[in-house]
Amino acid sequence: MNAPTPLQLVLITGMSGSGKSVALHALEDAGFYCVDNLPPELLEAFVAVEQRHGAQRVALAIDVRSAGSLPQLPQRLRALRAQGLTLTVLFLDASDDVLVRRFSETRRLHPLSVRGSHDQRRALLEALRLERELLAELREGALVLDTSHLRAAQLRTEVKALLAPAPATLTLVFESFAFKRGVPVDADFVFDARMLPNPHYEPELRPLTGRDAPVAAYLDAEPQVAQLLDDITGLLRRWLPALQRDHRSYVTVAVGCTGGQHRSVYLVERLAARFADGWPVLRRHRELDAGAGG
């Protein structure tokens, strides 16, 4: 008789306005049983009930709405992991400017906001600062996803790609980005490709991307590009086993250039190809996926 499949538990947390509801709905679409705003005090009892019922995939959202009992949550998560539970914590984050804009557009009140404040922006920024303090311990060791530049449909796709399959080993996420739009807040490693020759200044290459063969041929011919690619590869190959021993499920490697269209995209594609034979690999092109180009 086959042993029952162990419960896969995903905890979604993070900043208010970062897209937690969208992420939870994405996992519901992927077959997870989902519960929003579960009080931390009920976590162990809820998990025990779901295990008795033979549940296989459960996703919970717990955040600053449970501010009073939130400090207990990291200890409760450690206790569940000690029982051998497959547990992933997904922390959604975004820049303060983006969060302020989202709250302004929806006219929602932040859970920690003080009602009746005359300076709404200042009150919201103060609430975000306090929220970051309350969530700091949860963020450590979590899988962090920066939603600053993601539309709802893109966020759903990212969440399903990251969490729909149960992680069996460390997964590498290679992400290209434009420095002019900020460094991704979820990056574990950040590499700068702006010192490399830029295809943007070649008229026939300017409208293309790093995924196109003419751009790849241009960069393949540059010794500096090959050297940077080898240096990044060597660094990652040296340290990834240590990160896996530290029980990391995901490592995000971000490569940036000026516009996020040519050099960083090329390097991400090359790196993903180099590591695909030994690790689960995901590719993410922030500016191309957002249609920003540049």
C-alpha atoms as a PDB file:
ATOM      1  CA  MET A   1       0.000   0.000   0.000  1.00  0.00           C
ATOM      2  CA  ASN A   2       1.424   3.390  -0.981  1.00  0.00           C
ATOM      3  CA  ALA A   3       2.123   5.906   1.778  1.00  0.00           C
ATOM      4  CA  PRO A   4      -0.129   9.014   1.708  1.00  0.00           C
ATOM      5  CA  THR A   5       1.307  12.076  -0.023  1.00  0.00           C
ATOM      6  CA  PRO A   6       2.623  14.508   2.631  1.00  0.00           C
ATOM      7  CA  LEU A   7       0.932  17.863   2.998  1.00  0.00           C
ATOM      8  CA  GLN A   8       2.490  20.723   1.023  1.00  0.00           C
ATOM      9  CA  LEU A   9       1.843  23.967   2.917  1.00  0.00           C
ATOM     10  CA  VAL A  10       2.419  27.431   1.438  1.00  0.00           C
ATOM     11  CA  LEU A  11       2.244  30.511   3.634  1.00  0.00           C
ATOM     12  CA  ILE A  12       1.689  33.761   1.767  1.00  0.00           C
ATOM     13  CA  THR A  13       2.644  36.899   3.645  1.00  0.00           C
ATOM     14  CA  GLY A  14       4.189  40.283   2.928  1.00  0.00           C
ATOM     15  CA  MET A  15       3.376  43.934   2.581  1.00  0.00           C
ATOM     16  CA  SER A  16      -0.182  45.228   2.351  1.00  0.00           C
ATOM     17  CA  GLY A  17      -0.883  46.118  -1.279  1.00  0.00           C
ATOM     18  CA  SER A  18       1.791  43.769  -2.644  1.00  0.00           C
ATOM     19  CA  GLY A  19      -0.658  41.330  -4.254  1.00  0.00           C
ATOM     20  CA  LYS A  20      -1.267  38.634  -1.633  1.00  0.00           C
ATOM     21  CA  SER A  21      -4.901  38.146  -2.653  1.00  0.00           C
ATOM     22  CA  VAL A  22      -3.858  37.698  -6.292  1.00  0.00           C
ATOM     23  CA  ALA A  23      -1.226  35.143  -5.242  1.00  0.00           C
ATOM     24  CA  LEU A  24      -3.710  33.217  -3.114  1.00  0.00           C
ATOM     25  CA  HIS A  25      -6.217  33.088  -5.981  1.00  0.00           C
ATOM     26  CA  ALA A  26      -3.464  31.832  -8.306  1.00  0.00           C
ATOM     27  CA  LEU A  27      -2.745  28.917  -5.972  1.00  0.00           C
ATOM     28  CA  GLU A  28      -6.457  28.202  -5.647  1.00  0.00           C
ATOM     29  CA  ASP A  29      -6.568  27.930  -9.448  1.00  0.00           C
ATOM     30  CA  ALA A  30      -3.586  25.547  -9.243  1.00  0.00           C
ATOM     31  CA  GLY A  31      -5.458  23.169  -6.945  1.00  0.00           C
ATOM     32  CA  PHE A  32      -4.543  24.413  -3.471  1.00  0.00           C
ATOM     33  CA  TYR A  33      -7.099  24.657  -0.682  1.00  0.00           C
ATOM     34  CA  CYS A  34      -6.740  28.311   0.342  1.00  0.00           C
ATOM     35  CA  VAL A  35      -7.575  30.229   3.523  1.00  0.00           C
ATOM     36  CA  ASP A  36      -7.122  33.981   3.902  1.00  0.00           C
ATOM     37  CA  ASN A  37      -6.262  35.796   7.138  1.00  0.00           C
ATOM     38  CA  LEU A  38      -5.923  32.734   9.357  1.00  0.00           C
ATOM     39  CA  PRO A  39      -5.099  33.796  12.945  1.00  0.00           C
ATOM     40  CA  PRO A  40      -1.600  32.506  13.827  1.00  0.00           C
ATOM     41  CA  GLU A  41      -2.995  30.924  17.018  1.00  0.00           C
ATOM     42  CA  LEU A  42      -4.992  28.487  14.876  1.00  0.00           C
ATOM     43  CA  LEU A  43      -2.133  27.444  12.584  1.00  0.00           C
ATOM     44  CA  GLU A  44      -1.108  24.158  14.216  1.00  0.00           C
ATOM     45  CA  ALA A  45      -4.684  23.052  14.827  1.00  0.00           C
ATOM     46  CA  PHE A  46      -5.684  23.876  11.263  1.00  0.00           C
ATOM     47  CA  VAL A  47      -2.723  21.945   9.805  1.00  0.00           C
ATOM     48  CA  ALA A  48      -3.516  18.944  12.001  1.00  0.00           C
ATOM     49  CA  VAL A  49      -7.135  18.919  10.771  1.00  0.00           C
ATOM     50  CA  GLU A  50      -6.052  19.119   7.112  1.00  0.00           C
ATOM     51  CA  GLN A  51      -3.563  16.278   7.606  1.00  0.00           C
ATOM     52  CA  ARG A  52      -6.264  14.087   9.151  1.00  0.00           C
ATOM     53  CA  HIS A  53      -8.459  14.822   6.136  1.00  0.00           C
ATOM     54  CA  GLY A  54      -5.663  13.782   3.786  1.00  0.00           C
ATOM     55  CA  ALA A  55      -5.163  17.224   2.243  1.00  0.00           C
ATOM     56  CA  GLN A  56      -2.172  17.468  -0.077  1.00  0.00           C
ATOM     57  CA  ARG A  57      -1.860  21.152  -1.000  1.00  0.00           C
ATOM     58  CA  VAL A  58      -2.860  23.999   1.306  1.00  0.00           C
ATOM     59  CA  ALA A  59      -2.102  27.724   1.052  1.00  0.00           C
ATOM     60  CA  LEU A  60      -2.642  30.261   3.835  1.00  0.00           C
ATOM     61  CA  ALA A  61      -2.400  34.031   3.953  1.00  0.00           C
ATOM     62  CA  ILE A  62      -1.262  35.500   7.268  1.00  0.00           C
ATOM     63  CA  ASP A  63      -0.117  39.096   7.495  1.00  0.00           C
ATOM     64  CA  VAL A  64      -0.167  42.285   9.528  1.00  0.00           C
ATOM     65  CA  ARG A  65      -3.931  42.071   9.952  1.00  0.00           C
ATOM     66  CA  SER A  66      -3.007  39.672  12.777  1.00  0.00           C
ATOM     67  CA  ALA A  67      -0.520  42.170  14.199  1.00  0.00           C
ATOM     68  CA  GLY A  68      -1.195  41.276  17.829  1.00  0.00           C
ATOM     69  CA  SER A  69      -0.232  37.612  17.421  1.00  0.00           C
ATOM     70  CA  LEU A  70       2.180  37.978  14.498  1.00  0.00           C
ATOM     71  CA  PRO A  71       5.341  37.732  16.698  1.00  0.00           C
ATOM     72  CA  GLN A  72       4.363  34.130  17.514  1.00  0.00           C
ATOM     73  CA  LEU A  73       4.309  33.049  13.877  1.00  0.00           C
ATOM     74  CA  PRO A  74       8.045  32.377  13.202  1.00  0.00           C
ATOM     75  CA  GLN A  75       8.204  30.019  16.196  1.00  0.00           C
ATOM     76  CA  ARG A  76       5.068  28.222  15.061  1.00  0.00           C
ATOM     77  CA  LEU A  77       6.558  27.779  11.571  1.00  0.00           C
ATOM     78  CA  ARG A  78       9.747  26.348  13.031  1.00  0.00           C
ATOM     79  CA  ALA A  79       7.687  23.852  15.009  1.00  0.00           C
ATOM     80  CA  LEU A  80       5.851  22.721  11.860  1.00  0.00           C
ATOM     81  CA  ARG A  81       9.115  22.301   9.965  1.00  0.00           C
ATOM     82  CA  ALA A  82      10.494  20.252  12.861  1.00  0.00           C
ATOM     83  CA  GLN A  83       7.579  17.846  12.282  1.00  0.00           C
ATOM     84  CA  GLY A  84       8.845  17.287   8.722  1.00  0.00           C
ATOM     85  CA  LEU A  85       6.160  19.371   7.025  1.00  0.00           C
ATOM     86  CA  THR A  86       6.887  20.645   3.501  1.00  0.00           C
ATOM     87  CA  LEU A  87       6.519  24.384   4.129  1.00  0.00           C
ATOM     88  CA  THR A  88       7.257  27.331   1.827  1.00  0.00           C
ATOM     89  CA  VAL A  89       6.907  30.936   2.951  1.00  0.00           C
ATOM     90  CA  LEU A  90       6.253  33.343   0.069  1.00  0.00           C
ATOM     91  CA  PHE A  91       6.862  36.980   1.021  1.00  0.00           C
ATOM     92  CA  LEU A  92       5.449  39.520  -1.426  1.00  0.00           C
ATOM     93  CA  ASP A  93       7.134  42.920  -1.403  1.00  0.00           C
ATOM     94  CA  ALA A  94       7.139  46.148  -3.398  1.00  0.00           C
ATOM     95  CA  SER A  95       8.724  49.566  -3.125  1.00  0.00           C
ATOM     96  CA  ASP A  96       7.084  52.111  -0.845  1.00  0.00           C
ATOM     97  CA  ASP A  97       6.320  54.393  -3.801  1.00  0.00           C
ATOM     98  CA  VAL A  98       4.456  51.598  -5.570  1.00  0.00           C
ATOM     99  CA  LEU A  99       2.548  50.625  -2.424  1.00  0.00           C
ATOM    100  CA  VAL A 100       1.537  54.244  -1.811  1.00  0.00           C
ATOM    101  CA  ARG A 101       0.293  54.529  -5.395  1.00  0.00           C
ATOM    102  CA  ARG A 102      -1.708  51.315  -5.128  1.00  0.00           C
ATOM    103  CA  PHE A 103      -3.398  52.428  -1.915  1.00  0.00           C
ATOM    104  CA  SER A 104      -4.149  55.788  -3.499  1.00  0.00           C
ATOM    105  CA  GLU A 105      -5.706  54.149  -6.558  1.00  0.00           C
ATOM    106  CA  THR A 106      -7.890  51.768  -4.553  1.00  0.00           C
ATOM    107  CA  ARG A 107      -8.639  54.278  -1.750  1.00  0.00           C
ATOM    108  CA  ARG A 108      -8.230  51.475   0.757  1.00  0.00           C
ATOM    109  CA  LEU A 109      -7.001  52.130   4.283  1.00  0.00           C
ATOM    110  CA  HIS A 110      -3.790  50.418   5.394  1.00  0.00           C
ATOM    111  CA  PRO A 111      -4.465  47.978   8.282  1.00  0.00           C
ATOM    112  CA  LEU A 112      -2.052  49.927  10.518  1.00  0.00           C
ATOM    113  CA  SER A 113      -3.135  53.411   9.459  1.00  0.00           C
ATOM    114  CA  VAL A 114      -4.496  55.851  12.016  1.00  0.00           C
ATOM    115  CA  ARG A 115      -7.888  57.114  10.945  1.00  0.00           C
ATOM    116  CA  GLY A 116      -8.416  60.854  10.654  1.00  0.00           C
ATOM    117  CA  SER A 117      -4.834  61.840   9.828  1.00  0.00           C
ATOM    118  CA  HIS A 118      -4.597  65.077   7.823  1.00  0.00           C
ATOM    119  CA  ASP A 119      -1.413  64.021   5.964  1.00  0.00           C
ATOM    120  CA  GLN A 120      -2.520  60.760   4.394  1.00  0.00           C
ATOM    121  CA  ARG A 121       0.758  60.075   2.534  1.00  0.00           C
ATOM    122  CA  ARG A 122       2.835  60.590   5.669  1.00  0.00           C
ATOM    123  CA  ALA A 123       0.464  58.403   7.672  1.00  0.00           C
ATOM    124  CA  LEU A 124       0.663  55.659   5.036  1.00  0.00           C
ATOM    125  CA  LEU A 125       4.471  55.770   4.874  1.00  0.00           C
ATOM    126  CA  GLU A 126       4.604  55.494   8.660  1.00  0.00           C
ATOM    127  CA  ALA A 127       2.243  52.508   8.547  1.00  0.00           C
ATOM    128  CA  LEU A 128       4.435  50.840   5.894  1.00  0.00           C
ATOM    129  CA  ARG A 129       7.543  51.422   8.025  1.00  0.00           C
ATOM    130  CA  LEU A 130       5.871  49.783  11.021  1.00  0.00           C
ATOM    131  CA  GLU A 131       4.630  46.923   8.845  1.00  0.00           C
ATOM    132  CA  ARG A 132       8.163  46.225   7.593  1.00  0.00           C
ATOM    133  CA  GLU A 133       9.364  46.066  11.199  1.00  0.00           C
ATOM    134  CA  LEU A 134       6.627  43.642  12.207  1.00  0.00           C
ATOM    135  CA  LEU A 135       7.299  41.383   9.202  1.00  0.00           C
ATOM    136  CA  ALA A 136      11.121  41.536   9.258  1.00  0.00           C
ATOM    137  CA  GLU A 137      11.636  38.128  10.884  1.00  0.00           C
ATOM    138  CA  LEU A 138       9.157  36.454   8.543  1.00  0.00           C
ATOM    139  CA  ARG A 139      10.945  37.930   5.524  1.00  0.00           C
ATOM    140  CA  GLU A 140      14.248  36.345   6.541  1.00  0.00           C
ATOM    141  CA  GLY A 141      14.521  32.938   4.950  1.00  0.00           C
ATOM    142  CA  ALA A 142      11.326  33.382   2.923  1.00  0.00           C
ATOM    143  CA  LEU A 143      11.022  33.239  -0.849  1.00  0.00           C
ATOM    144  CA  VAL A 144      10.736  36.965  -1.637  1.00  0.00           C
ATOM    145  CA  LEU A 145       8.936  38.092  -4.776  1.00  0.00           C
ATOM    146  CA  ASP A 146       9.120  41.749  -5.832  1.00  0.00           C
ATOM    147  CA  THR A 147       5.770  42.744  -7.328  1.00  0.00           C
ATOM    148  CA  SER A 148       6.643  46.404  -7.978  1.00  0.00           C
ATOM    149  CA  HIS A 149       6.638  45.953 -11.762  1.00  0.00           C
ATOM    150  CA  LEU A 150       4.220  43.017 -12.087  1.00  0.00           C
ATOM    151  CA  ARG A 151       0.689  43.249 -13.381  1.00  0.00           C
ATOM    152  CA  ALA A 152      -1.892  40.942 -11.778  1.00  0.00           C
ATOM    153  CA  ALA A 153      -1.729  38.437 -14.652  1.00  0.00           C
ATOM    154  CA  GLN A 154       2.069  38.335 -14.461  1.00  0.00           C
ATOM    155  CA  LEU A 155       1.961  37.817 -10.703  1.00  0.00           C
ATOM    156  CA  ARG A 156      -0.411  34.878 -11.087  1.00  0.00           C
ATOM    157  CA  THR A 157       1.944  33.317 -13.631  1.00  0.00           C
ATOM    158  CA  GLU A 158       5.004  33.840 -11.404  1.00  0.00           C
ATOM    159  CA  VAL A 159       3.309  32.356  -8.343  1.00  0.00           C
ATOM    160  CA  LYS A 160       2.152  29.271 -10.240  1.00  0.00           C
ATOM    161  CA  ALA A 161       5.611  28.755 -11.744  1.00  0.00           C
ATOM    162  CA  LEU A 162       7.288  29.044  -8.343  1.00  0.00           C
ATOM    163  CA  LEU A 163       4.879  27.139  -6.128  1.00  0.00           C
ATOM    164  CA  ALA A 164       2.488  24.951  -8.109  1.00  0.00           C
ATOM    165  CA  PRO A 165       5.069  22.129  -8.291  1.00  0.00           C
ATOM    166  CA  ALA A 166       6.359  21.093  -4.868  1.00  0.00           C
ATOM    167  CA  PRO A 167      10.058  22.067  -4.742  1.00  0.00           C
ATOM    168  CA  ALA A 168      12.231  18.968  -4.603  1.00  0.00           C
ATOM    169  CA  THR A 169      15.521  20.818  -4.661  1.00  0.00           C
ATOM    170  CA  LEU A 170      16.890  24.323  -4.870  1.00  0.00           C
ATOM    171  CA  THR A 171      15.429  26.247  -7.823  1.00  0.00           C
ATOM    172  CA  LEU A 172      17.381  28.984  -9.604  1.00  0.00           C
ATOM    173  CA  VAL A 173      15.513  32.074 -10.779  1.00  0.00           C
ATOM    174  CA  PHE A 174      17.482  34.140 -13.296  1.00  0.00           C
ATOM    175  CA  GLU A 175      16.066  37.639 -13.762  1.00  0.00           C
ATOM    176  CA  SER A 176      17.075  40.479 -16.086  1.00  0.00           C
ATOM    177  CA  PHE A 177      16.232  44.067 -15.179  1.00  0.00           C
ATOM    178  CA  ALA A 178      16.970  47.727 -15.930  1.00  0.00           C
ATOM    179  CA  PHE A 179      18.903  49.678 -13.318  1.00  0.00           C
ATOM    180  CA  LYS A 180      16.952  52.792 -14.300  1.00  0.00           C
ATOM    181  CA  ARG A 181      13.829  51.131 -12.879  1.00  0.00           C
ATOM    182  CA  GLY A 182      15.470  49.892  -9.693  1.00  0.00           C
ATOM    183  CA  VAL A 183      17.077  46.700  -8.444  1.00  0.00           C
ATOM    184  CA  PRO A 184      14.612  43.847  -7.749  1.00  0.00           C
ATOM    185  CA  VAL A 185      14.057  43.623  -4.005  1.00  0.00           C
ATOM    186  CA  ASP A 186      13.829  39.816  -4.180  1.00  0.00           C
ATOM    187  CA  ALA A 187      17.356  39.336  -5.583  1.00  0.00           C
ATOM    188  CA  ASP A 188      19.844  37.156  -3.685  1.00  0.00           C
ATOM    189  CA  PHE A 189      22.691  37.976  -6.105  1.00  0.00           C
ATOM    190  CA  VAL A 190      22.904  41.154  -8.239  1.00  0.00           C
ATOM    191  CA  PHE A 191      25.308  41.523 -11.161  1.00  0.00           C
ATOM    192  CA  ASP A 192      25.917  44.676 -13.211  1.00  0.00           C
ATOM    193  CA  ALA A 193      26.368  44.301 -16.988  1.00  0.00           C
ATOM    194  CA  ARG A 194      26.457  48.010 -17.832  1.00  0.00           C
ATOM    195  CA  MET A 195      30.228  48.018 -18.440  1.00  0.00           C
ATOM    196  CA  LEU A 196      29.839  45.574 -21.360  1.00  0.00           C
ATOM    197  CA  PRO A 197      29.569  46.715 -25.008  1.00  0.00           C
ATOM    198  CA  ASN A 198      25.995  47.855 -25.630  1.00  0.00           C
ATOM    199  CA  PRO A 199      24.072  46.597 -28.684  1.00  0.00           C
ATOM    200  CA  HIS A 200      21.740  49.568 -28.249  1.00  0.00           C
ATOM    201  CA  TYR A 201      24.254  51.702 -30.136  1.00  0.00           C
ATOM    202  CA  GLU A 202      24.130  49.428 -33.191  1.00  0.00           C
ATOM    203  CA  PRO A 203      21.137  50.673 -35.244  1.00  0.00           C
ATOM    204  CA  GLU A 204      20.256  47.252 -36.631  1.00  0.00           C
ATOM    205  CA  LEU A 205      20.322  45.698 -33.128  1.00  0.00           C
ATOM    206  CA  ARG A 206      18.537  48.453 -31.217  1.00  0.00           C
ATOM    207  CA  PRO A 207      14.959  47.164 -31.729  1.00  0.00           C
ATOM    208  CA  LEU A 208      15.954  43.566 -30.892  1.00  0.00           C
ATOM    209  CA  THR A 209      16.460  41.893 -27.507  1.00  0.00           C
ATOM    210  CA  GLY A 210      19.056  39.651 -25.920  1.00  0.00           C
ATOM    211  CA  ARG A 211      16.981  36.651 -26.964  1.00  0.00           C
ATOM    212  CA  ASP A 212      17.464  37.433 -30.666  1.00  0.00           C
ATOM    213  CA  ALA A 213      20.253  35.682 -32.597  1.00  0.00           C
ATOM    214  CA  PRO A 214      21.924  38.857 -34.017  1.00  0.00           C
ATOM    215  CA  VAL A 215      22.266  40.360 -30.526  1.00  0.00           C
ATOM    216  CA  ALA A 216      23.560  37.061 -29.142  1.00  0.00           C
ATOM    217  CA  ALA A 217      26.126  36.847 -31.966  1.00  0.00           C
ATOM    218  CA  TYR A 218      27.267  40.415 -31.263  1.00  0.00           C
ATOM    219  CA  LEU A 219      27.775  39.696 -27.557  1.00  0.00           C
ATOM    220  CA  ASP A 220      29.269  36.234 -28.162  1.00  0.00           C
ATOM    221  CA  ALA A 221      32.107  37.937 -30.050  1.00  0.00           C
ATOM    222  CA  GLU A 222      33.065  40.165 -27.083  1.00  0.00           C
ATOM    223  CA  PRO A 223      35.724  38.688 -24.732  1.00  0.00           C
ATOM    224  CA  GLN A 224      34.486  40.819 -21.800  1.00  0.00           C
ATOM    225  CA  VAL A 225      31.048  39.268 -22.086  1.00  0.00           C
ATOM    226  CA  ALA A 226      32.451  35.744 -22.014  1.00  0.00           C
ATOM    227  CA  GLN A 227      34.626  36.608 -19.024  1.00  0.00           C
ATOM    228  CA  LEU A 228      31.703  38.012 -17.002  1.00  0.00           C
ATOM    229  CA  LEU A 229      29.587  35.001 -17.891  1.00  0.00           C
ATOM    230  CA  ASP A 230      32.336  32.634 -16.717  1.00  0.00           C
ATOM    231  CA  ASP A 231      32.897  34.630 -13.516  1.00  0.00           C
ATOM    232  CA  ILE A 232      29.204  34.548 -12.561  1.00  0.00           C
ATOM    233  CA  THR A 233      29.006  30.854 -13.424  1.00  0.00           C
ATOM    234  CA  GLY A 234      32.028  30.052 -11.268  1.00  0.00           C
ATOM    235  CA  LEU A 235      30.709  32.015  -8.296  1.00  0.00           C
ATOM    236  CA  LEU A 236      27.314  30.336  -8.412  1.00  0.00           C
ATOM    237  CA  ARG A 237      28.698  26.828  -8.892  1.00  0.00           C
ATOM    238  CA  ARG A 238      30.912  27.343  -5.852  1.00  0.00           C
ATOM    239  CA  TRP A 239      28.192  28.595  -3.494  1.00  0.00           C
ATOM    240  CA  LEU A 240      24.948  26.943  -4.621  1.00  0.00           C
ATOM    241  CA  PRO A 241      25.669  23.662  -2.774  1.00  0.00           C
ATOM    242  CA  ALA A 242      26.169  25.633   0.449  1.00  0.00           C
ATOM    243  CA  LEU A 243      22.900  27.473  -0.102  1.00  0.00           C
ATOM    244  CA  GLN A 244      21.132  24.169  -0.668  1.00  0.00           C
ATOM    245  CA  ARG A 245      22.615  22.761   2.558  1.00  0.00           C
ATOM    246  CA  ASP A 246      21.178  25.844   4.283  1.00  0.00           C
ATOM    247  CA  HIS A 247      17.712  24.570   3.236  1.00  0.00           C
ATOM    248  CA  ARG A 248      17.119  27.275   0.646  1.00  0.00           C
ATOM    249  CA  SER A 249      14.381  26.404  -1.827  1.00  0.00           C
ATOM    250  CA  TYR A 250      14.953  29.291  -4.255  1.00  0.00           C
ATOM    251  CA  VAL A 251      17.838  31.575  -5.199  1.00  0.00           C
ATOM    252  CA  THR A 252      17.192  34.617  -7.387  1.00  0.00           C
ATOM    253  CA  VAL A 253      20.108  35.802  -9.527  1.00  0.00           C
ATOM    254  CA  ALA A 254      19.439  39.258 -10.976  1.00  0.00           C
ATOM    255  CA  VAL A 255      21.463  40.687 -13.864  1.00  0.00           C
ATOM    256  CA  GLY A 256      20.967  44.333 -14.746  1.00  0.00           C
ATOM    257  CA  CYS A 257      21.900  46.690 -17.560  1.00  0.00           C
ATOM    258  CA  THR A 258      20.726  50.156 -18.524  1.00  0.00           C
ATOM    259  CA  GLY A 259      17.456  49.265 -20.235  1.00  0.00           C
ATOM    260  CA  GLY A 260      16.933  45.583 -19.433  1.00  0.00           C
ATOM    261  CA  GLN A 261      16.634  44.712 -23.122  1.00  0.00           C
ATOM    262  CA  HIS A 262      19.956  43.477 -24.513  1.00  0.00           C
ATOM    263  CA  ARG A 263      22.919  42.621 -22.264  1.00  0.00           C
ATOM    264  CA  SER A 264      21.079  41.513 -19.126  1.00  0.00           C
ATOM    265  CA  VAL A 265      18.583  39.466 -21.145  1.00  0.00           C
ATOM    266  CA  TYR A 266      21.403  37.750 -23.057  1.00  0.00           C
ATOM    267  CA  LEU A 267      23.263  36.900 -19.838  1.00  0.00           C
ATOM    268  CA  VAL A 268      20.154  35.517 -18.154  1.00  0.00           C
ATOM    269  CA  GLU A 269      19.445  33.281 -21.147  1.00  0.00           C
ATOM    270  CA  ARG A 270      23.036  32.025 -21.222  1.00  0.00           C
ATOM    271  CA  LEU A 271      23.161  31.430 -17.456  1.00  0.00           C
ATOM    272  CA  ALA A 272      19.843  29.602 -17.450  1.00  0.00           C
ATOM    273  CA  ALA A 273      21.093  27.318 -20.224  1.00  0.00           C
ATOM    274  CA  ARG A 274      24.326  26.600 -18.347  1.00  0.00           C
ATOM    275  CA  PHE A 275      22.587  25.598 -15.118  1.00  0.00           C
ATOM    276  CA  ALA A 276      19.523  23.829 -16.543  1.00  0.00           C
ATOM    277  CA  ASP A 277      21.283  20.462 -16.636  1.00  0.00           C
ATOM    278  CA  GLY A 278      21.852  20.384 -12.877  1.00  0.00           C
ATOM    279  CA  TRP A 279      19.151  22.538 -11.267  1.00  0.00           C
ATOM    280  CA  PRO A 280      15.502  23.476 -11.793  1.00  0.00           C
ATOM    281  CA  VAL A 281      15.661  26.845 -13.585  1.00  0.00           C
ATOM    282  CA  LEU A 282      13.189  29.680 -14.130  1.00  0.00           C
ATOM    283  CA  ARG A 283      13.761  32.682 -16.405  1.00  0.00           C
ATOM    284  CA  ARG A 284      12.307  36.119 -15.739  1.00  0.00           C
ATOM    285  CA  HIS A 285      12.812  39.239 -17.897  1.00  0.00           C
ATOM    286  CA  ARG A 286      11.295  42.060 -15.880  1.00  0.00           C
ATOM    287  CA  GLU A 287      11.298  44.801 -18.479  1.00  0.00           C
ATOM    288  CA  LEU A 288      10.469  42.612 -21.471  1.00  0.00           C
ATOM    289  CA  ASP A 289       7.664  40.881 -19.586  1.00  0.00           C
ATOM    290  CA  ALA A 290       6.280  44.275 -18.615  1.00  0.00           C
ATOM    291  CA  GLY A 291       6.588  45.545 -22.195  1.00  0.00           C
ATOM    292  CA  ALA A 292       8.963  48.315 -21.075  1.00  0.00           C
ATOM    293  CA  GLY A 293      11.892  47.645 -23.393  1.00  0.00           C
ATOM    294  CA  GLY A 294      14.572  50.373 -23.492  1.00  0.00           C
END
